[in-house]
Amino acid sequence: MGGNNPQIQVPLGAQKMQVTAYDTLSVTSTYSDASGTALGSVILVQGSPFVTYTAATDQTIPVEPIFAQKSDGLFTTTVAGHEYGLVAGNGAGVDAGGKVTLKPGSTITLFATPDGQESASLAKLAADPVVSTSVDHSVDGDTVKTTLNYVTENGGDTAIAPMAGQSVDGGTKSGGSYASIYGAMDLYSGSSLTTTAPLAEPSDQLDVSEMSDEDKQAVIAQIKTDAASIDFAASATDTYFGGKMLYRAANLMTLAEQLNVTDVATTLRTGLTAELKQWFNPKGCDTAATKCFVYDDGISSIIGLEASFGSDEENDHHFHYGYMLYAAAVVAENDKALADEIAPVVDLLAADIASDQATADFPQYRNFDPYSGHAWASGSSPFADGNNQESSSESVNAWNGLAMWAKVRGNTDLYHQAVWMMSTEANSAKLYWTNTDLSEFPEFTHKIAALNWGGKRDYATWFSPEPGAMLGIQLIPMGSYSTYLAGDADRIKANLAEATAGGYGAQFGEYMAQYLALADPAAAREQLASLPAEIDNGTTKSYVMAFVFSRPSPATS
């Protein structure tokens, strides 16, 4: 847990708080009295240790506990062994009793001093409050970069603490660090800071070229069995399970085309084309209650008319739409007429989860958090512990689908943005979910953190207490791009040892076999006979087999 532990009180006497501004990394809230008169505003900034209050009227605030003057403009207090600083600016004053007097435009900036550090160095940076932020991103060879930009009132430097574990490109360390539930956060000074992540390559098909003839024949036989079980007429009608069905069929179609199972591929393409035309008919909801989309003015969002998992409250949009973007891209890749027909709606799904700027219709990035390096899944986040994300892998899948669709549309800027999002998400998926460093938290004895929040991290899911579910939800749907999960065979095996105590016949066993193939293809091959009788509806047994069979042995990888 890293929940709120209020140690400094700033009683404004306000009766109302309203968010009045936001940008990529900050949110500004205005506080008003009972008559509606604004008292002042607070800006909270991701990556900043500073909380700045700017007065809108003359006022006196009895800050608690009392801050005593330490130097010109700097006042400090100590609570539970930790020092806190207060910097008064633009005419603000602090009397001997600790009361802060402000006039319109006056500011007070509060901060916690890192243990063992001097508050004076931070005070100099706090004296120039942050007023706005932005983010730049780029793809540079085998690395993606995220640059966090902070604009201060007078154009000076500020203090920046990147998320724990993130790789920083350069930067000037200012000394000290803050404890967080994700690990220690080092403190830097400057007006910007760049973090990096390894490139994750978007992909829409497995490389089956090195599979043996025997393996190909086994997969071909399974393709025919799997294709017979796909019934488009009886397919799911909500955006999540409907999206997974489209994704499953698209991958099966691609696999059939690769292995020259022409009749199956043709049938699947025909069915998928009809499904996509139905789902992405701009006027579909005029005559149907399912498999169609509407725009909700109240929340500035595209919503599937049949909601699932709270999608009508903006939950999980990137999970749902990632499957759909991928299927649309795969089927329309070489069919310009189809791409043009479905583009008006598919483009809106892409904008809903990944608009590069705030517009009248969509917010910037929706729920993707450039500072944290990953998305969040709840729409309105009605929780005391902040927002959360469970399925890190479905989030990576979303940006892979976005990249594939951008490629079909010839939208180079969106493609590079999708690669940046996918790469940072894949990096964070390992940093905070599957390969997370838990050495600072010895009482947490599990290998992975299955559900991460702003204020806590948990070994739990929303749907099952089983160990296989904890890992499986970090793997689903294990596409051809999921090689980002590779690289540490020992960690993969350790994660699986905890998750598969009851064997691979449990829920998500097929995905865990694919995960094992990233570390030990031979062992994964042996587990194919143990897969659950009912494969998850986001994949097929033939795709799982092809994934395992196409993995090179450690000697040749």
Foldseek 3Di string as FASTA:
>chain_A
DFFDDDDKDWDPQFDDKDFDDDDQFKTKIWTHHPVRHTQWIWMDGAQAQKIKTFGQAWDKTQMPPAWDDDDVQWTWDDDPRWIKIKGKDDPWDADPRRIITDGHGIMIMMGTDFPPDDCVVQNVQPHFAWDHKDWDWFDDPFKIKIKIFTATPVRWKHKGWFDPPFAWDDFAFPDHWDQDQQGTTTIGIGRMTMTMFTFQDQDQAADLPPFDPVLLVVLVVQLVVVLVPDDLVPFDFALQRNLLLLLALLHSLVSCVVSVVVVSNVVSLVSSLVLLLLLQVQCNVVPDQTSYWDADLVQLAIHTSDYDPPVVLVFQLLLRLLSVLQSQLSSCLPPVVSCVSRVVRNVRSLCQQDPCDCDSRHHHNQFARSRLLFGFGGRVQPDSQATKDQQLQSRLSSLSSQLSNCVSVVPVVSNRVSSSSNRSSLRSLCCAFQVHDCVVPVVPPARGFRMDTNRDTHQDDPPDNALLVSVLSNQPPPGNSSLSLADDLVSLVSSVVRRAVVHLQDASSLRNLLSNLSNALVVSQVRLVNHHPDHPSSHGSSRSSSSSSSRDGPVVD
